[in-house]
PDB file of N, CA and C in Angstrom:
ATOM      1  N   MET A   1      25.810  17.092  21.132  1.00  0.00           N
ATOM      2  CA  MET A   1      24.800  16.769  20.149  1.00  0.00           C
ATOM      3  C   MET A   1      25.342  16.995  18.753  1.00  0.00           C
ATOM      4  N   LYS A   2      25.079  16.066  17.872  1.00  0.00           N
ATOM      5  CA  LYS A   2      25.374  16.274  16.456  1.00  0.00           C
ATOM      6  C   LYS A   2      24.319  17.193  15.878  1.00  0.00           C
ATOM      7  N   GLY A   3      24.530  17.630  14.641  1.00  0.00           N
ATOM      8  CA  GLY A   3      23.534  18.449  13.980  1.00  0.00           C
ATOM      9  C   GLY A   3      22.244  17.683  13.762  1.00  0.00           C
ATOM     10  N   ALA A   4      21.179  18.425  13.546  1.00  0.00           N
ATOM     11  CA  ALA A   4      19.856  17.830  13.377  1.00  0.00           C
ATOM     12  C   ALA A   4      19.827  16.826  12.238  1.00  0.00           C
ATOM     13  N   GLU A   5      20.675  16.995  11.236  1.00  0.00           N
ATOM     14  CA  GLU A   5      20.667  16.086  10.080  1.00  0.00           C
ATOM     15  C   GLU A   5      21.048  14.652  10.442  1.00  0.00           C
ATOM     16  N   ALA A   6      21.569  14.436  11.647  1.00  0.00           N
ATOM     17  CA  ALA A   6      21.909  13.083  12.098  1.00  0.00           C
ATOM     18  C   ALA A   6      20.668  12.311  12.537  1.00  0.00           C
ATOM     19  N   PHE A   7      19.526  12.980  12.584  1.00  0.00           N
ATOM     20  CA  PHE A   7      18.299  12.362  13.082  1.00  0.00           C
ATOM     21  C   PHE A   7      17.289  12.160  11.971  1.00  0.00           C
ATOM     22  N   ARG A   8      16.369  11.226  12.216  1.00  0.00           N
ATOM     23  CA  ARG A   8      15.356  10.891  11.226  1.00  0.00           C
ATOM     24  C   ARG A   8      13.994  10.730  11.891  1.00  0.00           C
ATOM     25  N   VAL A   9      12.965  10.947  11.094  1.00  0.00           N
ATOM     26  CA  VAL A   9      11.610  10.557  11.425  1.00  0.00           C
ATOM     27  C   VAL A   9      11.271   9.461  10.429  1.00  0.00           C
ATOM     28  N   ALA A  10      10.888   8.320  10.939  1.00  0.00           N
ATOM     29  CA  ALA A  10      10.482   7.213  10.072  1.00  0.00           C
ATOM     30  C   ALA A  10       8.967   7.068  10.169  1.00  0.00           C
ATOM     31  N   LEU A  11       8.331   6.773   9.050  1.00  0.00           N
ATOM     32  CA  LEU A  11       6.891   6.571   8.998  1.00  0.00           C
ATOM     33  C   LEU A  11       6.609   5.121   8.643  1.00  0.00           C
ATOM     34  N   VAL A  12       5.738   4.508   9.429  1.00  0.00           N
ATOM     35  CA  VAL A  12       5.346   3.115   9.209  1.00  0.00           C
ATOM     36  C   VAL A  12       3.843   3.040   9.469  1.00  0.00           C
ATOM     37  N   THR A  13       3.096   2.408   8.567  1.00  0.00           N
ATOM     38  CA  THR A  13       1.682   2.173   8.819  1.00  0.00           C
ATOM     39  C   THR A  13       1.478   0.730   9.252  1.00  0.00           C
ATOM     40  N   ALA A  14       0.409   0.517  10.023  1.00  0.00           N
ATOM     41  CA  ALA A  14       0.054  -0.824  10.492  1.00  0.00           C
ATOM     42  C   ALA A  14      -1.455  -0.995  10.363  1.00  0.00           C
ATOM     43  N   GLY A  15      -1.899  -2.233  10.423  1.00  0.00           N
ATOM     44  CA  GLY A  15      -3.306  -2.529  10.240  1.00  0.00           C
ATOM     45  C   GLY A  15      -4.161  -2.366  11.486  1.00  0.00           C
ATOM     46  N   SER A  16      -3.525  -2.245  12.669  1.00  0.00           N
ATOM     47  CA  SER A  16      -4.297  -2.116  13.907  1.00  0.00           C
ATOM     48  C   SER A  16      -3.484  -1.386  14.971  1.00  0.00           C
ATOM     49  N   ASP A  17      -4.203  -0.863  15.969  1.00  0.00           N
ATOM     50  CA  ASP A  17      -3.538  -0.223  17.113  1.00  0.00           C
ATOM     51  C   ASP A  17      -2.625  -1.214  17.829  1.00  0.00           C
ATOM     52  N   GLU A  18      -3.102  -2.446  17.971  1.00  0.00           N
ATOM     53  CA  GLU A  18      -2.337  -3.464  18.687  1.00  0.00           C
ATOM     54  C   GLU A  18      -1.020  -3.767  17.979  1.00  0.00           C
ATOM     55  N   GLU A  19      -1.082  -3.917  16.658  1.00  0.00           N
ATOM     56  CA  GLU A  19       0.144  -4.195  15.912  1.00  0.00           C
ATOM     57  C   GLU A  19       1.102  -3.013  16.010  1.00  0.00           C
ATOM     58  N   ALA A  20       0.584  -1.800  15.870  1.00  0.00           N
ATOM     59  CA  ALA A  20       1.427  -0.606  15.967  1.00  0.00           C
ATOM     60  C   ALA A  20       2.079  -0.518  17.347  1.00  0.00           C
ATOM     61  N   ALA A  21       1.311  -0.772  18.404  1.00  0.00           N
ATOM     62  CA  ALA A  21       1.863  -0.700  19.761  1.00  0.00           C
ATOM     63  C   ALA A  21       2.934  -1.764  19.977  1.00  0.00           C
ATOM     64  N   ARG A  22       2.725  -2.958  19.451  1.00  0.00           N
ATOM     65  CA  ARG A  22       3.708  -4.041  19.601  1.00  0.00           C
ATOM     66  C   ARG A  22       5.017  -3.662  18.913  1.00  0.00           C
ATOM     67  N   ILE A  23       4.922  -3.129  17.706  1.00  0.00           N
ATOM     68  CA  ILE A  23       6.120  -2.718  16.957  1.00  0.00           C
ATOM     69  C   ILE A  23       6.791  -1.539  17.658  1.00  0.00           C
ATOM     70  N   ALA A  24       6.007  -0.544  18.057  1.00  0.00           N
ATOM     71  CA  ALA A  24       6.559   0.654  18.715  1.00  0.00           C
ATOM     72  C   ALA A  24       7.295   0.281  19.997  1.00  0.00           C
ATOM     73  N   ARG A  25       6.668  -0.563  20.815  1.00  0.00           N
ATOM     74  CA  ARG A  25       7.291  -0.973  22.074  1.00  0.00           C
ATOM     75  C   ARG A  25       8.622  -1.677  21.823  1.00  0.00           C
ATOM     76  N   ALA A  26       8.665  -2.557  20.834  1.00  0.00           N
ATOM     77  CA  ALA A  26       9.914  -3.264  20.515  1.00  0.00           C
ATOM     78  C   ALA A  26      11.002  -2.279  20.103  1.00  0.00           C
ATOM     79  N   LEU A  27      10.663  -1.315  19.265  1.00  0.00           N
ATOM     80  CA  LEU A  27      11.665  -0.347  18.788  1.00  0.00           C
ATOM     81  C   LEU A  27      12.215   0.503  19.931  1.00  0.00           C
ATOM     82  N   VAL A  28      11.342   0.930  20.844  1.00  0.00           N
ATOM     83  CA  VAL A  28      11.794   1.751  21.967  1.00  0.00           C
ATOM     84  C   VAL A  28      12.569   0.901  22.973  1.00  0.00           C
ATOM     85  N   GLU A  29      12.066  -0.289  23.297  1.00  0.00           N
ATOM     86  CA  GLU A  29      12.772  -1.156  24.239  1.00  0.00           C
ATOM     87  C   GLU A  29      14.159  -1.532  23.744  1.00  0.00           C
ATOM     88  N   GLU A  30      14.298  -1.718  22.423  1.00  0.00           N
ATOM     89  CA  GLU A  30      15.589  -2.088  21.839  1.00  0.00           C
ATOM     90  C   GLU A  30      16.470  -0.874  21.550  1.00  0.00           C
ATOM     91  N   ARG A  31      16.009   0.297  21.950  1.00  0.00           N
ATOM     92  CA  ARG A  31      16.731   1.568  21.775  1.00  0.00           C
ATOM     93  C   ARG A  31      17.016   1.898  20.312  1.00  0.00           C
ATOM     94  N   LEU A  32      16.160   1.434  19.433  1.00  0.00           N
ATOM     95  CA  LEU A  32      16.243   1.811  18.025  1.00  0.00           C
ATOM     96  C   LEU A  32      15.483   3.107  17.771  1.00  0.00           C
ATOM     97  N   ALA A  33      14.553   3.427  18.650  1.00  0.00           N
ATOM     98  CA  ALA A  33      13.767   4.658  18.557  1.00  0.00           C
ATOM     99  C   ALA A  33      13.688   5.288  19.936  1.00  0.00           C
ATOM    100  N   ALA A  34      13.690   6.615  19.958  1.00  0.00           N
ATOM    101  CA  ALA A  34      13.521   7.334  21.214  1.00  0.00           C
ATOM    102  C   ALA A  34      12.051   7.422  21.583  1.00  0.00           C
ATOM    103  N   CYS A  35      11.204   7.526  20.568  1.00  0.00           N
ATOM    104  CA  CYS A  35       9.783   7.740  20.774  1.00  0.00           C
ATOM    105  C   CYS A  35       9.048   7.298  19.517  1.00  0.00           C
ATOM    106  N   VAL A  36       7.863   6.736  19.706  1.00  0.00           N
ATOM    107  CA  VAL A  36       6.998   6.405  18.572  1.00  0.00           C
ATOM    108  C   VAL A  36       5.611   6.938  18.893  1.00  0.00           C
ATOM    109  N   ASN A  37       5.126   7.846  18.064  1.00  0.00           N
ATOM    110  CA  ASN A  37       3.751   8.318  18.176  1.00  0.00           C
ATOM    111  C   ASN A  37       2.875   7.378  17.352  1.00  0.00           C
ATOM    112  N   ILE A  38       1.728   6.998  17.906  1.00  0.00           N
ATOM    113  CA  ILE A  38       0.788   6.127  17.205  1.00  0.00           C
ATOM    114  C   ILE A  38      -0.465   6.943  16.930  1.00  0.00           C
ATOM    115  N   ILE A  39      -0.767   7.102  15.647  1.00  0.00           N
ATOM    116  CA  ILE A  39      -1.883   7.937  15.219  1.00  0.00           C
ATOM    117  C   ILE A  39      -2.935   7.048  14.562  1.00  0.00           C
ATOM    118  N   PRO A  40      -4.041   6.807  15.257  1.00  0.00           N
ATOM    119  CA  PRO A  40      -5.091   5.958  14.687  1.00  0.00           C
ATOM    120  C   PRO A  40      -5.946   6.728  13.685  1.00  0.00           C
ATOM    121  N   GLY A  41      -6.780   5.999  12.963  1.00  0.00           N
ATOM    122  CA  GLY A  41      -7.769   6.632  12.100  1.00  0.00           C
ATOM    123  C   GLY A  41      -7.253   7.140  10.774  1.00  0.00           C
ATOM    124  N   VAL A  42      -6.116   6.636  10.316  1.00  0.00           N
ATOM    125  CA  VAL A  42      -5.581   7.039   9.020  1.00  0.00           C
ATOM    126  C   VAL A  42      -6.340   6.265   7.940  1.00  0.00           C
ATOM    127  N   ARG A  43      -6.807   6.962   6.938  1.00  0.00           N
ATOM    128  CA  ARG A  43      -7.459   6.310   5.799  1.00  0.00           C
ATOM    129  C   ARG A  43      -6.460   6.286   4.660  1.00  0.00           C
ATOM    130  N   SER A  44      -6.153   5.102   4.173  1.00  0.00           N
ATOM    131  CA  SER A  44      -5.166   4.937   3.109  1.00  0.00           C
ATOM    132  C   SER A  44      -5.849   4.413   1.849  1.00  0.00           C
ATOM    133  N   ILE A  45      -5.624   5.107   0.766  1.00  0.00           N
ATOM    134  CA  ILE A  45      -6.102   4.681  -0.548  1.00  0.00           C
ATOM    135  C   ILE A  45      -4.860   4.422  -1.381  1.00  0.00           C
ATOM    136  N   TYR A  46      -4.728   3.205  -1.879  1.00  0.00           N
ATOM    137  CA  TYR A  46      -3.497   2.796  -2.540  1.00  0.00           C
ATOM    138  C   TYR A  46      -3.792   1.690  -3.541  1.00  0.00           C
ATOM    139  N   ARG A  47      -2.849   1.478  -4.426  1.00  0.00           N
ATOM    140  CA  ARG A  47      -2.959   0.403  -5.403  1.00  0.00           C
ATOM    141  C   ARG A  47      -2.177  -0.797  -4.887  1.00  0.00           C
ATOM    142  N   TRP A  48      -2.818  -1.965  -4.866  1.00  0.00           N
ATOM    143  CA  TRP A  48      -2.160  -3.191  -4.422  1.00  0.00           C
ATOM    144  C   TRP A  48      -2.644  -4.343  -5.289  1.00  0.00           C
ATOM    145  N   GLN A  49      -1.701  -5.016  -5.912  1.00  0.00           N
ATOM    146  CA  GLN A  49      -1.972  -6.172  -6.759  1.00  0.00           C
ATOM    147  C   GLN A  49      -3.053  -5.878  -7.796  1.00  0.00           C
ATOM    148  N   GLY A  50      -2.920  -4.709  -8.438  1.00  0.00           N
ATOM    149  CA  GLY A  50      -3.790  -4.328  -9.541  1.00  0.00           C
ATOM    150  C   GLY A  50      -5.134  -3.735  -9.152  1.00  0.00           C
ATOM    151  N   LYS A  51      -5.416  -3.617  -7.864  1.00  0.00           N
ATOM    152  CA  LYS A  51      -6.689  -3.062  -7.410  1.00  0.00           C
ATOM    153  C   LYS A  51      -6.448  -1.829  -6.552  1.00  0.00           C
ATOM    154  N   VAL A  52      -7.395  -0.899  -6.595  1.00  0.00           N
ATOM    155  CA  VAL A  52      -7.342   0.255  -5.705  1.00  0.00           C
ATOM    156  C   VAL A  52      -8.026  -0.141  -4.400  1.00  0.00           C
ATOM    157  N   GLU A  53      -7.280  -0.027  -3.307  1.00  0.00           N
ATOM    158  CA  GLU A  53      -7.760  -0.398  -1.974  1.00  0.00           C
ATOM    159  C   GLU A  53      -8.072   0.859  -1.168  1.00  0.00           C
ATOM    160  N   ASP A  54      -8.966   0.738  -0.219  1.00  0.00           N
ATOM    161  CA  ASP A  54      -9.361   1.839   0.658  1.00  0.00           C
ATOM    162  C   ASP A  54      -9.490   1.247   2.062  1.00  0.00           C
ATOM    163  N   ASP A  55      -8.480   1.486   2.926  1.00  0.00           N
ATOM    164  CA  ASP A  55      -8.423   0.842   4.238  1.00  0.00           C
ATOM    165  C   ASP A  55      -8.145   1.842   5.342  1.00  0.00           C
ATOM    166  N   ARG A  56      -8.526   1.451   6.550  1.00  0.00           N
ATOM    167  CA  ARG A  56      -8.152   2.185   7.764  1.00  0.00           C
ATOM    168  C   ARG A  56      -6.833   1.603   8.262  1.00  0.00           C
ATOM    169  N   GLU A  57      -5.936   2.481   8.632  1.00  0.00           N
ATOM    170  CA  GLU A  57      -4.640   2.065   9.147  1.00  0.00           C
ATOM    171  C   GLU A  57      -4.281   2.923  10.352  1.00  0.00           C
ATOM    172  N   VAL A  58      -3.157   2.593  10.946  1.00  0.00           N
ATOM    173  CA  VAL A  58      -2.583   3.324  12.071  1.00  0.00           C
ATOM    174  C   VAL A  58      -1.197   3.769  11.618  1.00  0.00           C
ATOM    175  N   LEU A  59      -0.876   5.030  11.836  1.00  0.00           N
ATOM    176  CA  LEU A  59       0.430   5.566  11.439  1.00  0.00           C
ATOM    177  C   LEU A  59       1.343   5.657  12.642  1.00  0.00           C
ATOM    178  N   MET A  60       2.552   5.112  12.492  1.00  0.00           N
ATOM    179  CA  MET A  60       3.589   5.268  13.507  1.00  0.00           C
ATOM    180  C   MET A  60       4.574   6.330  13.031  1.00  0.00           C
ATOM    181  N   VAL A  61       4.855   7.295  13.885  1.00  0.00           N
ATOM    182  CA  VAL A  61       5.848   8.329  13.625  1.00  0.00           C
ATOM    183  C   VAL A  61       7.002   8.033  14.574  1.00  0.00           C
ATOM    184  N   ILE A  62       8.115   7.591  14.016  1.00  0.00           N
ATOM    185  CA  ILE A  62       9.233   7.056  14.788  1.00  0.00           C
ATOM    186  C   ILE A  62      10.381   8.063  14.784  1.00  0.00           C
ATOM    187  N   LYS A  63      10.823   8.484  15.972  1.00  0.00           N
ATOM    188  CA  LYS A  63      11.966   9.393  16.079  1.00  0.00           C
ATOM    189  C   LYS A  63      13.205   8.582  16.385  1.00  0.00           C
ATOM    190  N   THR A  64      14.239   8.765  15.558  1.00  0.00           N
ATOM    191  CA  THR A  64      15.444   7.948  15.673  1.00  0.00           C
ATOM    192  C   THR A  64      16.638   8.711  15.131  1.00  0.00           C
ATOM    193  N   ASN A  65      17.760   8.006  14.995  1.00  0.00           N
ATOM    194  CA  ASN A  65      18.922   8.608  14.343  1.00  0.00           C
ATOM    195  C   ASN A  65      19.170   7.906  13.001  1.00  0.00           C
ATOM    196  N   ALA A  66      19.974   8.527  12.173  1.00  0.00           N
ATOM    197  CA  ALA A  66      20.234   7.983  10.836  1.00  0.00           C
ATOM    198  C   ALA A  66      20.887   6.609  10.908  1.00  0.00           C
ATOM    199  N   GLU A  67      21.738   6.412  11.908  1.00  0.00           N
ATOM    200  CA  GLU A  67      22.450   5.137  12.048  1.00  0.00           C
ATOM    201  C   GLU A  67      21.513   3.958  12.303  1.00  0.00           C
ATOM    202  N   SER A  68      20.371   4.219  12.904  1.00  0.00           N
ATOM    203  CA  SER A  68      19.471   3.134  13.318  1.00  0.00           C
ATOM    204  C   SER A  68      18.432   2.756  12.275  1.00  0.00           C
ATOM    205  N   PHE A  69      18.334   3.503  11.176  1.00  0.00           N
ATOM    206  CA  PHE A  69      17.241   3.246  10.238  1.00  0.00           C
ATOM    207  C   PHE A  69      17.271   1.832   9.658  1.00  0.00           C
ATOM    208  N   ASP A  70      18.432   1.337   9.277  1.00  0.00           N
ATOM    209  CA  ASP A  70      18.498  -0.013   8.696  1.00  0.00           C
ATOM    210  C   ASP A  70      18.011  -1.069   9.684  1.00  0.00           C
ATOM    211  N   LYS A  71      18.381  -0.919  10.953  1.00  0.00           N
ATOM    212  CA  LYS A  71      17.918  -1.859  11.982  1.00  0.00           C
ATOM    213  C   LYS A  71      16.410  -1.733  12.203  1.00  0.00           C
ATOM    214  N   ILE A  72      15.897  -0.505  12.154  1.00  0.00           N
ATOM    215  CA  ILE A  72      14.443  -0.305  12.276  1.00  0.00           C
ATOM    216  C   ILE A  72      13.731  -1.009  11.134  1.00  0.00           C
ATOM    217  N   GLU A  73      14.230  -0.841   9.927  1.00  0.00           N
ATOM    218  CA  GLU A  73      13.614  -1.513   8.786  1.00  0.00           C
ATOM    219  C   GLU A  73      13.612  -3.027   8.986  1.00  0.00           C
ATOM    220  N   GLU A  74      14.714  -3.570   9.441  1.00  0.00           N
ATOM    221  CA  GLU A  74      14.831  -5.011   9.676  1.00  0.00           C
ATOM    222  C   GLU A  74      13.826  -5.488  10.741  1.00  0.00           C
ATOM    223  N   ARG A  75      13.722  -4.756  11.850  1.00  0.00           N
ATOM    224  CA  ARG A  75      12.806  -5.145  12.928  1.00  0.00           C
ATOM    225  C   ARG A  75      11.347  -5.001  12.496  1.00  0.00           C
ATOM    226  N   VAL A  76      11.020  -3.917  11.800  1.00  0.00           N
ATOM    227  CA  VAL A  76       9.643  -3.733  11.348  1.00  0.00           C
ATOM    228  C   VAL A  76       9.255  -4.868  10.407  1.00  0.00           C
ATOM    229  N   ARG A  77      10.125  -5.211   9.473  1.00  0.00           N
ATOM    230  CA  ARG A  77       9.824  -6.323   8.561  1.00  0.00           C
ATOM    231  C   ARG A  77       9.600  -7.631   9.327  1.00  0.00           C
ATOM    232  N   ALA A  78      10.368  -7.856  10.375  1.00  0.00           N
ATOM    233  CA  ALA A  78      10.240  -9.091  11.158  1.00  0.00           C
ATOM    234  C   ALA A  78       8.949  -9.126  11.978  1.00  0.00           C
ATOM    235  N   LEU A  79       8.482  -7.969  12.435  1.00  0.00           N
ATOM    236  CA  LEU A  79       7.334  -7.899  13.332  1.00  0.00           C
ATOM    237  C   LEU A  79       6.009  -7.592  12.636  1.00  0.00           C
ATOM    238  N   HIS A  80       6.069  -7.121  11.409  1.00  0.00           N
ATOM    239  CA  HIS A  80       4.886  -6.599  10.713  1.00  0.00           C
ATOM    240  C   HIS A  80       4.113  -7.698  10.001  1.00  0.00           C
ATOM    241  N   SER A  81       2.794  -7.530   9.935  1.00  0.00           N
ATOM    242  CA  SER A  81       1.939  -8.506   9.255  1.00  0.00           C
ATOM    243  C   SER A  81       1.838  -8.262   7.747  1.00  0.00           C
ATOM    244  N   TYR A  82       2.183  -7.059   7.274  1.00  0.00           N
ATOM    245  CA  TYR A  82       2.055  -6.750   5.847  1.00  0.00           C
ATOM    246  C   TYR A  82       3.161  -7.434   5.048  1.00  0.00           C
ATOM    247  N   GLU A  83       2.841  -7.827   3.844  1.00  0.00           N
ATOM    248  CA  GLU A  83       3.838  -8.381   2.928  1.00  0.00           C
ATOM    249  C   GLU A  83       4.864  -7.314   2.555  1.00  0.00           C
ATOM    250  N   VAL A  84       4.393  -6.084   2.323  1.00  0.00           N
ATOM    251  CA  VAL A  84       5.266  -4.957   1.968  1.00  0.00           C
ATOM    252  C   VAL A  84       4.890  -3.758   2.847  1.00  0.00           C
ATOM    253  N   PRO A  85       5.426  -3.696   4.066  1.00  0.00           N
ATOM    254  CA  PRO A  85       5.078  -2.566   4.933  1.00  0.00           C
ATOM    255  C   PRO A  85       5.726  -1.268   4.457  1.00  0.00           C
ATOM    256  N   GLU A  86       5.016  -0.183   4.704  1.00  0.00           N
ATOM    257  CA  GLU A  86       5.582   1.144   4.463  1.00  0.00           C
ATOM    258  C   GLU A  86       6.637   1.390   5.527  1.00  0.00           C
ATOM    259  N   ILE A  87       7.857   1.674   5.098  1.00  0.00           N
ATOM    260  CA  ILE A  87       8.938   2.035   6.015  1.00  0.00           C
ATOM    261  C   ILE A  87       9.753   3.101   5.292  1.00  0.00           C
ATOM    262  N   ILE A  88       9.510   4.368   5.629  1.00  0.00           N
ATOM    263  CA  ILE A  88      10.235   5.438   4.960  1.00  0.00           C
ATOM    264  C   ILE A  88      10.891   6.350   5.992  1.00  0.00           C
ATOM    265  N   SER A  89      11.935   7.019   5.573  1.00  0.00           N
ATOM    266  CA  SER A  89      12.705   7.887   6.453  1.00  0.00           C
ATOM    267  C   SER A  89      12.708   9.305   5.911  1.00  0.00           C
ATOM    268  N   LEU A  90      12.503  10.253   6.811  1.00  0.00           N
ATOM    269  CA  LEU A  90      12.568  11.674   6.468  1.00  0.00           C
ATOM    270  C   LEU A  90      13.678  12.314   7.299  1.00  0.00           C
ATOM    271  N   ARG A  91      14.527  13.072   6.655  1.00  0.00           N
ATOM    272  CA  ARG A  91      15.625  13.751   7.353  1.00  0.00           C
ATOM    273  C   ARG A  91      15.089  14.930   8.164  1.00  0.00           C
ATOM    274  N   ILE A  92      15.614  15.103   9.357  1.00  0.00           N
ATOM    275  CA  ILE A  92      15.294  16.275  10.175  1.00  0.00           C
ATOM    276  C   ILE A  92      16.357  17.320   9.880  1.00  0.00           C
ATOM    277  N   ASP A  93      15.948  18.486   9.410  1.00  0.00           N
ATOM    278  CA  ASP A  93      16.955  19.506   9.104  1.00  0.00           C
ATOM    279  C   ASP A  93      17.121  20.514  10.236  1.00  0.00           C
ATOM    280  N   ARG A  94      16.120  20.629  11.116  1.00  0.00           N
ATOM    281  CA  ARG A  94      16.227  21.509  12.286  1.00  0.00           C
ATOM    282  C   ARG A  94      15.410  20.920  13.413  1.00  0.00           C
ATOM    283  N   GLY A  95      15.770  21.284  14.635  1.00  0.00           N
ATOM    284  CA  GLY A  95      15.010  20.833  15.789  1.00  0.00           C
ATOM    285  C   GLY A  95      15.463  21.528  17.046  1.00  0.00           C
ATOM    286  N   SER A  96      14.638  21.477  18.053  1.00  0.00           N
ATOM    287  CA  SER A  96      14.967  22.045  19.354  1.00  0.00           C
ATOM    288  C   SER A  96      16.190  21.319  19.918  1.00  0.00           C
ATOM    289  N   GLU A  97      17.208  22.069  20.301  1.00  0.00           N
ATOM    290  CA  GLU A  97      18.439  21.450  20.793  1.00  0.00           C
ATOM    291  C   GLU A  97      18.208  20.543  22.000  1.00  0.00           C
ATOM    292  N   PRO A  98      17.416  20.967  23.006  1.00  0.00           N
ATOM    293  CA  PRO A  98      17.181  20.048  24.130  1.00  0.00           C
ATOM    294  C   PRO A  98      16.479  18.754  23.691  1.00  0.00           C
ATOM    295  N   TYR A  99      15.541  18.853  22.758  1.00  0.00           N
ATOM    296  CA  TYR A  99      14.860  17.644  22.277  1.00  0.00           C
ATOM    297  C   TYR A  99      15.828  16.739  21.530  1.00  0.00           C
ATOM    298  N   LEU A 100      16.656  17.306  20.671  1.00  0.00           N
ATOM    299  CA  LEU A 100      17.616  16.499  19.916  1.00  0.00           C
ATOM    300  C   LEU A 100      18.658  15.874  20.842  1.00  0.00           C
ATOM    301  N   ASP A 101      19.035  16.586  21.903  1.00  0.00           N
ATOM    302  CA  ASP A 101      19.943  16.000  22.905  1.00  0.00           C
ATOM    303  C   ASP A 101      19.298  14.780  23.558  1.00  0.00           C
ATOM    304  N   TRP A 102      18.008  14.921  23.920  1.00  0.00           N
ATOM    305  CA  TRP A 102      17.286  13.790  24.515  1.00  0.00           C
ATOM    306  C   TRP A 102      17.207  12.630  23.533  1.00  0.00           C
ATOM    307  N   LEU A 103      16.891  12.929  22.277  1.00  0.00           N
ATOM    308  CA  LEU A 103      16.807  11.892  21.256  1.00  0.00           C
ATOM    309  C   LEU A 103      18.151  11.177  21.133  1.00  0.00           C
ATOM    310  N   ALA A 104      19.222  11.944  21.097  1.00  0.00           N
ATOM    311  CA  ALA A 104      20.557  11.358  20.962  1.00  0.00           C
ATOM    312  C   ALA A 104      20.877  10.409  22.116  1.00  0.00           C
ATOM    313  N   GLY A 105      20.457  10.754  23.311  1.00  0.00           N
ATOM    314  CA  GLY A 105      20.736   9.912  24.465  1.00  0.00           C
ATOM    315  C   GLY A 105      19.807   8.720  24.612  1.00  0.00           C
ATOM    316  N   SER A 106      18.734   8.699  23.843  1.00  0.00           N
ATOM    317  CA  SER A 106      17.725   7.654  23.977  1.00  0.00           C
ATOM    318  C   SER A 106      17.836   6.543  22.951  1.00  0.00           C
ATOM    319  N   VAL A 107      18.604   6.787  21.893  1.00  0.00           N
ATOM    320  CA  VAL A 107      18.708   5.817  20.797  1.00  0.00           C
ATOM    321  C   VAL A 107      20.130   5.270  20.766  1.00  0.00           C
ATOM    322  N   PHE A 108      20.240   3.959  20.554  1.00  0.00           N
ATOM    323  CA  PHE A 108      21.544   3.319  20.413  1.00  0.00           C
ATOM    324  C   PHE A 108      21.688   2.847  18.979  1.00  0.00           C
ATOM    325  N   PRO A 109      22.783   3.028  18.286  1.00  0.00           N
ATOM    326  CA  PRO A 109      24.023   3.606  18.810  1.00  0.00           C
ATOM    327  C   PRO A 109      23.862   5.100  19.069  1.00  0.00           C
ATOM    328  N   SER A 110      24.544   5.552  20.071  1.00  0.00           N
ATOM    329  CA  SER A 110      24.422   6.938  20.505  1.00  0.00           C
ATOM    330  C   SER A 110      24.838   7.892  19.408  1.00  0.00           C
ATOM    331  N   SER A 111      24.103   8.991  19.303  1.00  0.00           N
ATOM    332  CA  SER A 111      24.404  10.038  18.319  1.00  0.00           C
ATOM    333  C   SER A 111      25.165  11.193  18.947  1.00  0.00           C
ATOM    334  N   GLU A 112      25.684  10.996  20.128  1.00  0.00           N
ATOM    335  CA  GLU A 112      26.368  12.074  20.819  1.00  0.00           C
ATOM    336  C   GLU A 112      27.721  12.357  20.208  1.00  0.00           C
TER     337      GLU A 112
END
């Protein structure tokens, strides 16, 4: 296993459970993500095209490696309905070694 810093958590919001599940399944099937948690009921207040919006969204929490983030961004953009989807990456600085080993073996390219 590489150090925890080789791994990332990516956050992506979607407009529906169905869209989030479709994107999550594609990322896991393509081995770009080891796991995607889908959290419904997120309320997002944001500025878009000069107006303040208040919408319900679904948050995807994507566990991956640093090498795969660019491909995740590319796939999310291709599959997402939003003109400008949220796609951000957070570095993991520590984690359970057995979990990080599993993550490393579940995402391609391998982080081993």
